Amino acid sequence: MKNTAGKAAIAIMFLLSAGFIFTLLVSADSNQQEAADYEECGPTAISWTIPENVTFAGEALPLQNFDTRESLDRELNATAYRHGSTLLTIKRSGRYFGEIERILKEYGIPDDFKYLACAESDLSNVISPAGATGYWQIMEGTGKEAGMIINREIDERYDLDKSTRFACRYFLKAYERYGSWTMAAASYNNGFRGLSEQVDIQKETNYYDLLLNEETARYIFRIVALKLVIAEPEKYGFNISPDVLYKPIPFREVKIDTAISSFEQFARQFDTNYKILKFLNPWLRKPFLTNSERREYTIRVPEKGARTQAGL
């Protein structure tokens, strides 16, 4: 019995050892195959090449300077590899760029400033932790000082037309102050006071020669990176055809100067519903409007079939 048990134990140990060796061999072969596959596929990430000449609003970036080049390199790679948010920003550009471009042109602002809205909000009506709101991220106090209507029922920071016009008026003042579109854009992030303080301290008037807080120091480069990627998405790894961009929603404008007791009922008059009415007019913050001051407001209502047309 003892000999039989001993032989059985030796046999079991031999089988276990053989199995272990076989596992090692299979694992080694698998690792070798994975390594070979990796070599055939190449690296999973690349560093995107910076174009030789890059401009913002017609003003050239001094890419011959290592700090400028490396700053743009950082933002270009971050933007190109921020797949989800960058992809959605590109798609939203199909819906919103047309209106923004038209207003910029009306005010004589360089077309590149549309990319500020991308940097500020990814072309969406968001609220920052600090309370900056809308496509152009406008603070409540700043908006009110500029004459925007902001109360419990109306918030024009959510209105693409009015908020873009606010931004344009700011850009014109900033350009008059600094004589540079790049500095005007930087001041939108840092404010007149913050940027001018650094100009006085450092005795520099060129954005690319100023040492600024990290957010403002990255701001122009992030805008330019968005410009490069959105203008040529396929060049930076985004396989996007024009037909997948979000389409503008056809609408017409209706002027009102009275109270509206129910926007749900108001919407039905124009063959739409409250949801789509609010989508076109996010600045309407309540389902009613008291309008005690009898102001005139312009409300967008969808054209017939707009909901399906924009989805095709």
C-alpha atoms as a PDB file:
ATOM      1  CA  MET A   1       0.000   0.000   0.000  1.00  0.00           C
ATOM      2  CA  LYS A   2       2.794   2.372   0.907  1.00  0.00           C
ATOM      3  CA  ASN A   3       4.641   1.723  -2.368  1.00  0.00           C
ATOM      4  CA  THR A   4       1.454   2.164  -4.345  1.00  0.00           C
ATOM      5  CA  ALA A   5       0.676   5.444  -2.578  1.00  0.00           C
ATOM      6  CA  GLY A   6       4.229   6.657  -3.140  1.00  0.00           C
ATOM      7  CA  LYS A   7       4.109   5.844  -6.833  1.00  0.00           C
ATOM      8  CA  ALA A   8       0.761   7.617  -7.144  1.00  0.00           C
ATOM      9  CA  ALA A   9       2.146  10.703  -5.450  1.00  0.00           C
ATOM     10  CA  ILE A  10       5.166  10.728  -7.775  1.00  0.00           C
ATOM     11  CA  ALA A  11       2.855  10.378 -10.791  1.00  0.00           C
ATOM     12  CA  ILE A  12       0.690  13.278  -9.639  1.00  0.00           C
ATOM     13  CA  MET A  13       3.743  15.488  -9.070  1.00  0.00           C
ATOM     14  CA  PHE A  14       5.015  14.618 -12.553  1.00  0.00           C
ATOM     15  CA  LEU A  15       1.684  15.538 -14.146  1.00  0.00           C
ATOM     16  CA  LEU A  16       1.515  18.831 -12.250  1.00  0.00           C
ATOM     17  CA  SER A  17       5.074  19.692 -13.277  1.00  0.00           C
ATOM     18  CA  ALA A  18       4.348  18.874 -16.886  1.00  0.00           C
ATOM     19  CA  GLY A  19       1.223  21.004 -16.801  1.00  0.00           C
ATOM     20  CA  PHE A  20       3.128  23.927 -15.299  1.00  0.00           C
ATOM     21  CA  ILE A  21       5.855  23.686 -17.944  1.00  0.00           C
ATOM     22  CA  PHE A  22       3.222  23.499 -20.698  1.00  0.00           C
ATOM     23  CA  THR A  23       1.515  26.629 -19.296  1.00  0.00           C
ATOM     24  CA  LEU A  24       4.836  28.484 -19.276  1.00  0.00           C
ATOM     25  CA  LEU A  25       5.527  27.495 -22.869  1.00  0.00           C
ATOM     26  CA  VAL A  26       2.060  28.591 -24.034  1.00  0.00           C
ATOM     27  CA  SER A  27       2.350  31.862 -22.119  1.00  0.00           C
ATOM     28  CA  ALA A  28       5.777  32.563 -23.586  1.00  0.00           C
ATOM     29  CA  ASP A  29       4.526  31.824 -27.090  1.00  0.00           C
ATOM     30  CA  SER A  30       1.511  34.089 -26.505  1.00  0.00           C
ATOM     31  CA  ASN A  31       3.709  36.931 -25.256  1.00  0.00           C
ATOM     32  CA  GLN A  32       5.995  36.547 -28.256  1.00  0.00           C
ATOM     33  CA  GLN A  33       2.965  36.661 -30.574  1.00  0.00           C
ATOM     34  CA  GLU A  34       1.636  39.786 -28.825  1.00  0.00           C
ATOM     35  CA  ALA A  35       5.027  41.452 -29.123  1.00  0.00           C
ATOM     36  CA  ALA A  36       5.156  40.546 -32.816  1.00  0.00           C
ATOM     37  CA  ASP A  37       1.643  41.907 -33.344  1.00  0.00           C
ATOM     38  CA  TYR A  38       2.607  45.124 -31.543  1.00  0.00           C
ATOM     39  CA  GLU A  39       5.682  45.516 -33.736  1.00  0.00           C
ATOM     40  CA  GLU A  40       3.576  45.035 -36.857  1.00  0.00           C
ATOM     41  CA  CYS A  41       0.928  47.520 -35.729  1.00  0.00           C
ATOM     42  CA  GLY A  42       3.390  50.146 -34.606  1.00  0.00           C
ATOM     43  CA  PRO A  43       2.968  52.541 -31.680  1.00  0.00           C
ATOM     44  CA  THR A  44      -0.510  53.204 -30.280  1.00  0.00           C
ATOM     45  CA  ALA A  45       0.111  56.967 -30.041  1.00  0.00           C
ATOM     46  CA  ILE A  46       2.028  59.469 -32.106  1.00  0.00           C
ATOM     47  CA  SER A  47       3.071  63.064 -31.652  1.00  0.00           C
ATOM     48  CA  TRP A  48       1.210  65.217 -34.158  1.00  0.00           C
ATOM     49  CA  THR A  49       3.347  67.404 -36.379  1.00  0.00           C
ATOM     50  CA  ILE A  50       3.033  71.160 -35.944  1.00  0.00           C
ATOM     51  CA  PRO A  51       2.593  73.003 -39.263  1.00  0.00           C
ATOM     52  CA  GLU A  52       5.483  75.225 -40.306  1.00  0.00           C
ATOM     53  CA  ASN A  53       3.362  78.381 -40.252  1.00  0.00           C
ATOM     54  CA  VAL A  54       0.527  78.893 -37.791  1.00  0.00           C
ATOM     55  CA  THR A  55      -1.504  82.050 -37.252  1.00  0.00           C
ATOM     56  CA  PHE A  56      -4.257  83.286 -34.997  1.00  0.00           C
ATOM     57  CA  ALA A  57      -6.438  86.088 -36.392  1.00  0.00           C
ATOM     58  CA  GLY A  58      -3.765  86.799 -38.988  1.00  0.00           C
ATOM     59  CA  GLU A  59      -1.003  87.107 -36.373  1.00  0.00           C
ATOM     60  CA  ALA A  60       1.822  84.560 -36.670  1.00  0.00           C
ATOM     61  CA  LEU A  61       2.900  82.404 -33.759  1.00  0.00           C
ATOM     62  CA  PRO A  62       6.699  82.666 -33.245  1.00  0.00           C
ATOM     63  CA  LEU A  63       7.271  78.927 -33.604  1.00  0.00           C
ATOM     64  CA  GLN A  64      11.020  79.463 -33.906  1.00  0.00           C
ATOM     65  CA  ASN A  65      10.993  79.951 -30.117  1.00  0.00           C
ATOM     66  CA  PHE A  66      11.152  76.677 -28.212  1.00  0.00           C
ATOM     67  CA  ASP A  67       8.670  77.791 -25.554  1.00  0.00           C
ATOM     68  CA  THR A  68       6.046  78.794 -28.126  1.00  0.00           C
ATOM     69  CA  ARG A  69       6.528  75.594 -30.107  1.00  0.00           C
ATOM     70  CA  GLU A  70       6.368  73.343 -27.068  1.00  0.00           C
ATOM     71  CA  SER A  71       3.285  75.128 -25.728  1.00  0.00           C
ATOM     72  CA  LEU A  72       1.439  74.557 -28.999  1.00  0.00           C
ATOM     73  CA  ASP A  73       2.718  70.969 -29.120  1.00  0.00           C
ATOM     74  CA  ARG A  74       1.235  70.339 -25.682  1.00  0.00           C
ATOM     75  CA  GLU A  75      -2.200  71.684 -26.583  1.00  0.00           C
ATOM     76  CA  LEU A  76      -2.311  70.137 -30.044  1.00  0.00           C
ATOM     77  CA  ASN A  77      -1.607  66.653 -28.690  1.00  0.00           C
ATOM     78  CA  ALA A  78      -3.999  67.155 -25.763  1.00  0.00           C
ATOM     79  CA  THR A  79      -6.773  68.293 -28.114  1.00  0.00           C
ATOM     80  CA  ALA A  80      -6.168  65.535 -30.655  1.00  0.00           C
ATOM     81  CA  TYR A  81      -6.222  62.858 -27.941  1.00  0.00           C
ATOM     82  CA  ARG A  82      -9.187  64.350 -26.048  1.00  0.00           C
ATOM     83  CA  HIS A  83     -11.300  62.234 -28.358  1.00  0.00           C
ATOM     84  CA  GLY A  84     -14.808  62.457 -26.947  1.00  0.00           C
ATOM     85  CA  SER A  85     -15.063  66.174 -26.222  1.00  0.00           C
ATOM     86  CA  THR A  86     -13.108  67.209 -29.327  1.00  0.00           C
ATOM     87  CA  LEU A  87     -15.251  64.966 -31.527  1.00  0.00           C
ATOM     88  CA  LEU A  88     -18.457  66.500 -30.143  1.00  0.00           C
ATOM     89  CA  THR A  89     -17.097  70.028 -30.548  1.00  0.00           C
ATOM     90  CA  ILE A  90     -16.370  69.302 -34.213  1.00  0.00           C
ATOM     91  CA  LYS A  91     -19.908  67.954 -34.669  1.00  0.00           C
ATOM     92  CA  ARG A  92     -21.494  70.969 -32.943  1.00  0.00           C
ATOM     93  CA  SER A  93     -19.514  73.326 -35.163  1.00  0.00           C
ATOM     94  CA  GLY A  94     -21.785  72.286 -38.030  1.00  0.00           C
ATOM     95  CA  ARG A  95     -24.789  73.680 -36.151  1.00  0.00           C
ATOM     96  CA  TYR A  96     -23.367  76.804 -34.528  1.00  0.00           C
ATOM     97  CA  PHE A  97     -20.414  78.112 -36.556  1.00  0.00           C
ATOM     98  CA  GLY A  98     -22.611  79.624 -39.261  1.00  0.00           C
ATOM     99  CA  GLU A  99     -24.375  81.974 -36.847  1.00  0.00           C
ATOM    100  CA  ILE A 100     -21.193  82.838 -34.940  1.00  0.00           C
ATOM    101  CA  GLU A 101     -19.284  83.542 -38.169  1.00  0.00           C
ATOM    102  CA  ARG A 102     -22.033  85.844 -39.401  1.00  0.00           C
ATOM    103  CA  ILE A 103     -21.998  87.927 -36.210  1.00  0.00           C
ATOM    104  CA  LEU A 104     -18.189  88.106 -36.079  1.00  0.00           C
ATOM    105  CA  LYS A 105     -18.163  89.383 -39.651  1.00  0.00           C
ATOM    106  CA  GLU A 106     -20.844  91.960 -38.820  1.00  0.00           C
ATOM    107  CA  TYR A 107     -18.624  93.391 -36.070  1.00  0.00           C
ATOM    108  CA  GLY A 108     -15.398  93.146 -38.048  1.00  0.00           C
ATOM    109  CA  ILE A 109     -13.886  90.513 -35.759  1.00  0.00           C
ATOM    110  CA  PRO A 110     -11.479  87.955 -37.301  1.00  0.00           C
ATOM    111  CA  ASP A 111     -13.135  84.621 -38.046  1.00  0.00           C
ATOM    112  CA  ASP A 112     -10.652  82.762 -35.812  1.00  0.00           C
ATOM    113  CA  PHE A 113     -12.459  84.112 -32.748  1.00  0.00           C
ATOM    114  CA  LYS A 114     -15.136  81.471 -33.254  1.00  0.00           C
ATOM    115  CA  TYR A 115     -12.642  79.009 -31.790  1.00  0.00           C
ATOM    116  CA  LEU A 116     -12.778  80.922 -28.486  1.00  0.00           C
ATOM    117  CA  ALA A 117     -16.312  79.629 -28.032  1.00  0.00           C
ATOM    118  CA  CYS A 118     -14.938  76.113 -28.555  1.00  0.00           C
ATOM    119  CA  ALA A 119     -12.256  76.656 -25.911  1.00  0.00           C
ATOM    120  CA  GLU A 120     -14.711  78.273 -23.507  1.00  0.00           C
ATOM    121  CA  SER A 121     -17.582  75.804 -23.634  1.00  0.00           C
ATOM    122  CA  ASP A 122     -17.094  73.122 -26.305  1.00  0.00           C
ATOM    123  CA  LEU A 123     -19.953  74.966 -28.065  1.00  0.00           C
ATOM    124  CA  SER A 124     -22.475  74.084 -25.399  1.00  0.00           C
ATOM    125  CA  ASN A 125     -24.507  75.965 -22.801  1.00  0.00           C
ATOM    126  CA  VAL A 126     -22.549  74.994 -19.704  1.00  0.00           C
ATOM    127  CA  ILE A 127     -21.990  76.586 -16.295  1.00  0.00           C
ATOM    128  CA  SER A 128     -18.487  76.675 -14.822  1.00  0.00           C
ATOM    129  CA  PRO A 129     -17.800  76.100 -11.108  1.00  0.00           C
ATOM    130  CA  ALA A 130     -17.271  79.879 -10.840  1.00  0.00           C
ATOM    131  CA  GLY A 131     -20.689  80.570 -12.367  1.00  0.00           C
ATOM    132  CA  ALA A 132     -19.584  81.574 -15.875  1.00  0.00           C
ATOM    133  CA  THR A 133     -22.476  80.633 -18.140  1.00  0.00           C
ATOM    134  CA  GLY A 134     -23.304  79.848 -21.742  1.00  0.00           C
ATOM    135  CA  TYR A 135     -21.404  79.385 -24.986  1.00  0.00           C
ATOM    136  CA  TRP A 136     -19.121  82.333 -24.169  1.00  0.00           C
ATOM    137  CA  GLN A 137     -18.891  81.700 -20.396  1.00  0.00           C
ATOM    138  CA  ILE A 138     -20.096  85.089 -19.174  1.00  0.00           C
ATOM    139  CA  MET A 139     -20.216  85.937 -15.470  1.00  0.00           C
ATOM    140  CA  GLU A 140     -23.512  87.329 -14.166  1.00  0.00           C
ATOM    141  CA  GLY A 141     -22.093  90.665 -12.996  1.00  0.00           C
ATOM    142  CA  THR A 142     -20.171  91.193 -16.231  1.00  0.00           C
ATOM    143  CA  GLY A 143     -23.234  90.399 -18.306  1.00  0.00           C
ATOM    144  CA  LYS A 144     -25.467  92.778 -16.355  1.00  0.00           C
ATOM    145  CA  GLU A 145     -22.890  95.559 -16.611  1.00  0.00           C
ATOM    146  CA  ALA A 146     -22.999  95.108 -20.385  1.00  0.00           C
ATOM    147  CA  GLY A 147     -26.786  95.413 -20.430  1.00  0.00           C
ATOM    148  CA  MET A 148     -27.719  91.743 -20.684  1.00  0.00           C
ATOM    149  CA  ILE A 149     -31.019  90.714 -19.124  1.00  0.00           C
ATOM    150  CA  ILE A 150     -30.325  88.193 -16.374  1.00  0.00           C
ATOM    151  CA  ASN A 151     -33.060  87.352 -13.886  1.00  0.00           C
ATOM    152  CA  ARG A 152     -35.085  84.367 -12.689  1.00  0.00           C
ATOM    153  CA  GLU A 153     -37.079  84.199 -15.953  1.00  0.00           C
ATOM    154  CA  ILE A 154     -34.593  85.401 -18.571  1.00  0.00           C
ATOM    155  CA  ASP A 155     -30.851  84.784 -18.909  1.00  0.00           C
ATOM    156  CA  GLU A 156     -29.428  86.119 -22.161  1.00  0.00           C
ATOM    157  CA  ARG A 157     -26.076  84.460 -21.505  1.00  0.00           C
ATOM    158  CA  TYR A 158     -27.748  81.312 -22.873  1.00  0.00           C
ATOM    159  CA  ASP A 159     -28.731  83.116 -26.086  1.00  0.00           C
ATOM    160  CA  LEU A 160     -26.177  82.395 -28.825  1.00  0.00           C
ATOM    161  CA  ASP A 161     -26.934  85.585 -30.739  1.00  0.00           C
ATOM    162  CA  LYS A 162     -26.843  87.940 -27.760  1.00  0.00           C
ATOM    163  CA  SER A 163     -23.882  86.308 -26.033  1.00  0.00           C
ATOM    164  CA  THR A 164     -21.847  86.351 -29.257  1.00  0.00           C
ATOM    165  CA  ARG A 165     -22.638  90.052 -29.675  1.00  0.00           C
ATOM    166  CA  PHE A 166     -21.510  90.629 -26.086  1.00  0.00           C
ATOM    167  CA  ALA A 167     -18.230  88.868 -26.869  1.00  0.00           C
ATOM    168  CA  CYS A 168     -17.744  90.904 -30.060  1.00  0.00           C
ATOM    169  CA  ARG A 169     -18.166  94.207 -28.242  1.00  0.00           C
ATOM    170  CA  TYR A 170     -15.598  93.037 -25.705  1.00  0.00           C
ATOM    171  CA  PHE A 171     -13.127  92.032 -28.417  1.00  0.00           C
ATOM    172  CA  LEU A 172     -13.382  95.430 -30.089  1.00  0.00           C
ATOM    173  CA  LYS A 173     -12.632  97.207 -26.799  1.00  0.00           C
ATOM    174  CA  ALA A 174      -9.758  94.848 -26.101  1.00  0.00           C
ATOM    175  CA  TYR A 175      -8.241  95.332 -29.545  1.00  0.00           C
ATOM    176  CA  GLU A 176      -8.474  99.091 -29.144  1.00  0.00           C
ATOM    177  CA  ARG A 177      -6.653  98.757 -25.828  1.00  0.00           C
ATOM    178  CA  TYR A 178      -3.878  96.332 -26.822  1.00  0.00           C
ATOM    179  CA  GLY A 179      -3.580  96.746 -30.600  1.00  0.00           C
ATOM    180  CA  SER A 180      -3.323  92.975 -30.999  1.00  0.00           C
ATOM    181  CA  TRP A 181      -6.018  90.376 -31.651  1.00  0.00           C
ATOM    182  CA  THR A 182      -3.962  87.790 -29.766  1.00  0.00           C
ATOM    183  CA  MET A 183      -3.810  90.000 -26.690  1.00  0.00           C
ATOM    184  CA  ALA A 184      -7.514  90.803 -27.078  1.00  0.00           C
ATOM    185  CA  ALA A 185      -8.283  87.083 -26.995  1.00  0.00           C
ATOM    186  CA  ALA A 186      -5.982  86.514 -24.005  1.00  0.00           C
ATOM    187  CA  SER A 187      -7.717  89.299 -22.087  1.00  0.00           C
ATOM    188  CA  TYR A 188     -11.046  87.500 -22.543  1.00  0.00           C
ATOM    189  CA  ASN A 189      -9.598  84.814 -20.283  1.00  0.00           C
ATOM    190  CA  ASN A 190      -7.598  86.989 -17.881  1.00  0.00           C
ATOM    191  CA  GLY A 191      -9.560  90.253 -17.950  1.00  0.00           C
ATOM    192  CA  PHE A 192      -8.260  93.738 -18.682  1.00  0.00           C
ATOM    193  CA  ARG A 193      -6.977  94.225 -15.155  1.00  0.00           C
ATOM    194  CA  GLY A 194      -5.079  90.948 -14.899  1.00  0.00           C
ATOM    195  CA  LEU A 195      -3.435  91.168 -18.314  1.00  0.00           C
ATOM    196  CA  SER A 196      -2.597  94.865 -18.100  1.00  0.00           C
ATOM    197  CA  GLU A 197      -1.006  94.331 -14.697  1.00  0.00           C
ATOM    198  CA  GLN A 198       1.445  91.833 -16.189  1.00  0.00           C
ATOM    199  CA  VAL A 199       2.142  94.135 -19.138  1.00  0.00           C
ATOM    200  CA  ASP A 200       3.093  96.889 -16.671  1.00  0.00           C
ATOM    201  CA  ILE A 201       5.219  94.594 -14.498  1.00  0.00           C
ATOM    202  CA  GLN A 202       7.075  92.831 -17.316  1.00  0.00           C
ATOM    203  CA  LYS A 203       7.233  95.732 -19.786  1.00  0.00           C
ATOM    204  CA  GLU A 204       6.120  93.402 -22.573  1.00  0.00           C
ATOM    205  CA  THR A 205       3.164  93.862 -24.919  1.00  0.00           C
ATOM    206  CA  ASN A 206       3.462  90.608 -26.893  1.00  0.00           C
ATOM    207  CA  TYR A 207       1.448  87.673 -25.561  1.00  0.00           C
ATOM    208  CA  TYR A 208       4.216  85.225 -26.448  1.00  0.00           C
ATOM    209  CA  ASP A 209       6.748  87.184 -24.387  1.00  0.00           C
ATOM    210  CA  LEU A 210       4.640  87.428 -21.238  1.00  0.00           C
ATOM    211  CA  LEU A 211       4.821  85.117 -18.234  1.00  0.00           C
ATOM    212  CA  LEU A 212       1.177  84.584 -17.291  1.00  0.00           C
ATOM    213  CA  ASN A 213      -0.876  82.355 -15.010  1.00  0.00           C
ATOM    214  CA  GLU A 214      -1.092  78.839 -16.396  1.00  0.00           C
ATOM    215  CA  GLU A 215      -4.678  79.087 -17.631  1.00  0.00           C
ATOM    216  CA  THR A 216      -4.052  82.261 -19.635  1.00  0.00           C
ATOM    217  CA  ALA A 217      -0.617  81.043 -20.738  1.00  0.00           C
ATOM    218  CA  ARG A 218      -2.284  77.989 -22.307  1.00  0.00           C
ATOM    219  CA  TYR A 219      -5.371  79.802 -23.574  1.00  0.00           C
ATOM    220  CA  ILE A 220      -4.215  80.989 -27.015  1.00  0.00           C
ATOM    221  CA  PHE A 221      -2.440  77.708 -27.699  1.00  0.00           C
ATOM    222  CA  ARG A 222      -5.570  75.757 -26.852  1.00  0.00           C
ATOM    223  CA  ILE A 223      -7.591  77.967 -29.209  1.00  0.00           C
ATOM    224  CA  VAL A 224      -5.061  77.508 -32.007  1.00  0.00           C
ATOM    225  CA  ALA A 225      -4.968  73.736 -31.419  1.00  0.00           C
ATOM    226  CA  LEU A 226      -8.757  73.624 -31.750  1.00  0.00           C
ATOM    227  CA  LYS A 227      -8.501  75.666 -34.927  1.00  0.00           C
ATOM    228  CA  LEU A 228      -6.017  73.205 -36.440  1.00  0.00           C
ATOM    229  CA  VAL A 229      -8.021  70.117 -35.491  1.00  0.00           C
ATOM    230  CA  ILE A 230     -11.481  71.430 -36.392  1.00  0.00           C
ATOM    231  CA  ALA A 231     -10.282  72.852 -39.721  1.00  0.00           C
ATOM    232  CA  GLU A 232      -8.607  69.559 -40.729  1.00  0.00           C
ATOM    233  CA  PRO A 233      -9.926  66.808 -38.436  1.00  0.00           C
ATOM    234  CA  GLU A 234      -8.757  63.915 -40.606  1.00  0.00           C
ATOM    235  CA  LYS A 235      -5.189  65.203 -40.371  1.00  0.00           C
ATOM    236  CA  TYR A 236      -5.305  64.635 -36.608  1.00  0.00           C
ATOM    237  CA  GLY A 237      -6.972  61.239 -36.525  1.00  0.00           C
ATOM    238  CA  PHE A 238     -10.669  62.177 -36.625  1.00  0.00           C
ATOM    239  CA  ASN A 239     -12.506  60.284 -39.345  1.00  0.00           C
ATOM    240  CA  ILE A 240     -15.437  62.675 -39.706  1.00  0.00           C
ATOM    241  CA  SER A 241     -17.387  63.240 -42.892  1.00  0.00           C
ATOM    242  CA  PRO A 242     -19.487  66.421 -43.344  1.00  0.00           C
ATOM    243  CA  ASP A 243     -22.738  64.455 -43.200  1.00  0.00           C
ATOM    244  CA  VAL A 244     -22.215  63.530 -39.520  1.00  0.00           C
ATOM    245  CA  LEU A 245     -21.919  67.147 -38.381  1.00  0.00           C
ATOM    246  CA  TYR A 246     -24.949  68.410 -36.479  1.00  0.00           C
ATOM    247  CA  LYS A 247     -27.186  70.441 -38.756  1.00  0.00           C
ATOM    248  CA  PRO A 248     -28.606  73.903 -38.047  1.00  0.00           C
ATOM    249  CA  ILE A 249     -32.275  73.827 -37.063  1.00  0.00           C
ATOM    250  CA  PRO A 250     -34.451  75.873 -39.435  1.00  0.00           C
ATOM    251  CA  PHE A 251     -36.448  78.439 -37.473  1.00  0.00           C
ATOM    252  CA  ARG A 252     -38.389  81.639 -37.807  1.00  0.00           C
ATOM    253  CA  GLU A 253     -38.640  84.476 -35.342  1.00  0.00           C
ATOM    254  CA  VAL A 254     -41.729  85.598 -33.457  1.00  0.00           C
ATOM    255  CA  LYS A 255     -41.739  88.873 -31.525  1.00  0.00           C
ATOM    256  CA  ILE A 256     -43.698  89.196 -28.289  1.00  0.00           C
ATOM    257  CA  ASP A 257     -44.158  92.102 -25.869  1.00  0.00           C
ATOM    258  CA  THR A 258     -46.724  90.622 -23.487  1.00  0.00           C
ATOM    259  CA  ALA A 259     -46.771  88.066 -20.711  1.00  0.00           C
ATOM    260  CA  ILE A 260     -46.848  84.383 -21.638  1.00  0.00           C
ATOM    261  CA  SER A 261     -48.684  82.290 -19.081  1.00  0.00           C
ATOM    262  CA  SER A 262     -47.604  78.950 -20.561  1.00  0.00           C
ATOM    263  CA  PHE A 263     -44.835  78.310 -23.055  1.00  0.00           C
ATOM    264  CA  GLU A 264     -46.218  74.801 -23.459  1.00  0.00           C
ATOM    265  CA  GLN A 265     -49.408  76.285 -24.901  1.00  0.00           C
ATOM    266  CA  PHE A 266     -47.421  78.922 -26.788  1.00  0.00           C
ATOM    267  CA  ALA A 267     -45.398  76.163 -28.470  1.00  0.00           C
ATOM    268  CA  ARG A 268     -48.545  74.323 -29.606  1.00  0.00           C
ATOM    269  CA  GLN A 269     -49.595  77.392 -31.574  1.00  0.00           C
ATOM    270  CA  PHE A 270     -46.543  76.864 -33.782  1.00  0.00           C
ATOM    271  CA  ASP A 271     -46.893  73.088 -34.221  1.00  0.00           C
ATOM    272  CA  THR A 272     -44.074  72.257 -31.826  1.00  0.00           C
ATOM    273  CA  ASN A 273     -43.697  71.314 -28.175  1.00  0.00           C
ATOM    274  CA  TYR A 274     -42.126  72.818 -25.064  1.00  0.00           C
ATOM    275  CA  LYS A 275     -38.986  70.690 -25.380  1.00  0.00           C
ATOM    276  CA  ILE A 276     -38.069  71.934 -28.870  1.00  0.00           C
ATOM    277  CA  LEU A 277     -39.090  75.511 -28.042  1.00  0.00           C
ATOM    278  CA  LYS A 278     -36.681  75.491 -25.090  1.00  0.00           C
ATOM    279  CA  PHE A 279     -33.966  73.900 -27.224  1.00  0.00           C
ATOM    280  CA  LEU A 280     -34.154  76.868 -29.601  1.00  0.00           C
ATOM    281  CA  ASN A 281     -34.567  79.382 -26.758  1.00  0.00           C
ATOM    282  CA  PRO A 282     -32.506  78.187 -23.778  1.00  0.00           C
ATOM    283  CA  TRP A 283     -32.461  81.752 -22.424  1.00  0.00           C
ATOM    284  CA  LEU A 284     -36.110  81.256 -21.357  1.00  0.00           C
ATOM    285  CA  ARG A 285     -35.509  79.937 -17.862  1.00  0.00           C
ATOM    286  CA  LYS A 286     -39.122  79.380 -16.764  1.00  0.00           C
ATOM    287  CA  PRO A 287     -42.177  77.820 -18.452  1.00  0.00           C
ATOM    288  CA  PHE A 288     -43.827  81.250 -18.325  1.00  0.00           C
ATOM    289  CA  LEU A 289     -42.926  84.926 -18.770  1.00  0.00           C
ATOM    290  CA  THR A 290     -44.434  87.660 -16.608  1.00  0.00           C
ATOM    291  CA  ASN A 291     -42.841  90.462 -18.668  1.00  0.00           C
ATOM    292  CA  SER A 292     -44.082  93.173 -16.328  1.00  0.00           C
ATOM    293  CA  GLU A 293     -41.900  95.732 -18.125  1.00  0.00           C
ATOM    294  CA  ARG A 294     -43.480  94.872 -21.476  1.00  0.00           C
ATOM    295  CA  ARG A 295     -40.133  94.352 -23.170  1.00  0.00           C
ATOM    296  CA  GLU A 296     -40.050  93.021 -26.704  1.00  0.00           C
ATOM    297  CA  TYR A 297     -38.460  89.600 -27.015  1.00  0.00           C
ATOM    298  CA  THR A 298     -37.657  87.583 -30.114  1.00  0.00           C
ATOM    299  CA  ILE A 299     -38.513  83.913 -29.795  1.00  0.00           C
ATOM    300  CA  ARG A 300     -37.340  81.288 -32.247  1.00  0.00           C
ATOM    301  CA  VAL A 301     -39.904  78.716 -33.366  1.00  0.00           C
ATOM    302  CA  PRO A 302     -38.988  75.774 -35.610  1.00  0.00           C
ATOM    303  CA  GLU A 303     -39.983  75.730 -39.238  1.00  0.00           C
ATOM    304  CA  LYS A 304     -42.346  72.949 -40.247  1.00  0.00           C
ATOM    305  CA  GLY A 305     -40.487  69.638 -40.275  1.00  0.00           C
ATOM    306  CA  ALA A 306     -37.357  71.186 -38.725  1.00  0.00           C
ATOM    307  CA  ARG A 307     -37.026  68.494 -36.085  1.00  0.00           C
ATOM    308  CA  THR A 308     -36.694  65.713 -38.647  1.00  0.00           C
ATOM    309  CA  GLN A 309     -34.728  67.779 -41.174  1.00  0.00           C
ATOM    310  CA  ALA A 310     -32.001  68.482 -38.603  1.00  0.00           C
ATOM    311  CA  GLY A 311     -31.813  64.787 -37.787  1.00  0.00           C
ATOM    312  CA  LEU A 312     -31.278  63.517 -41.328  1.00  0.00           C
END
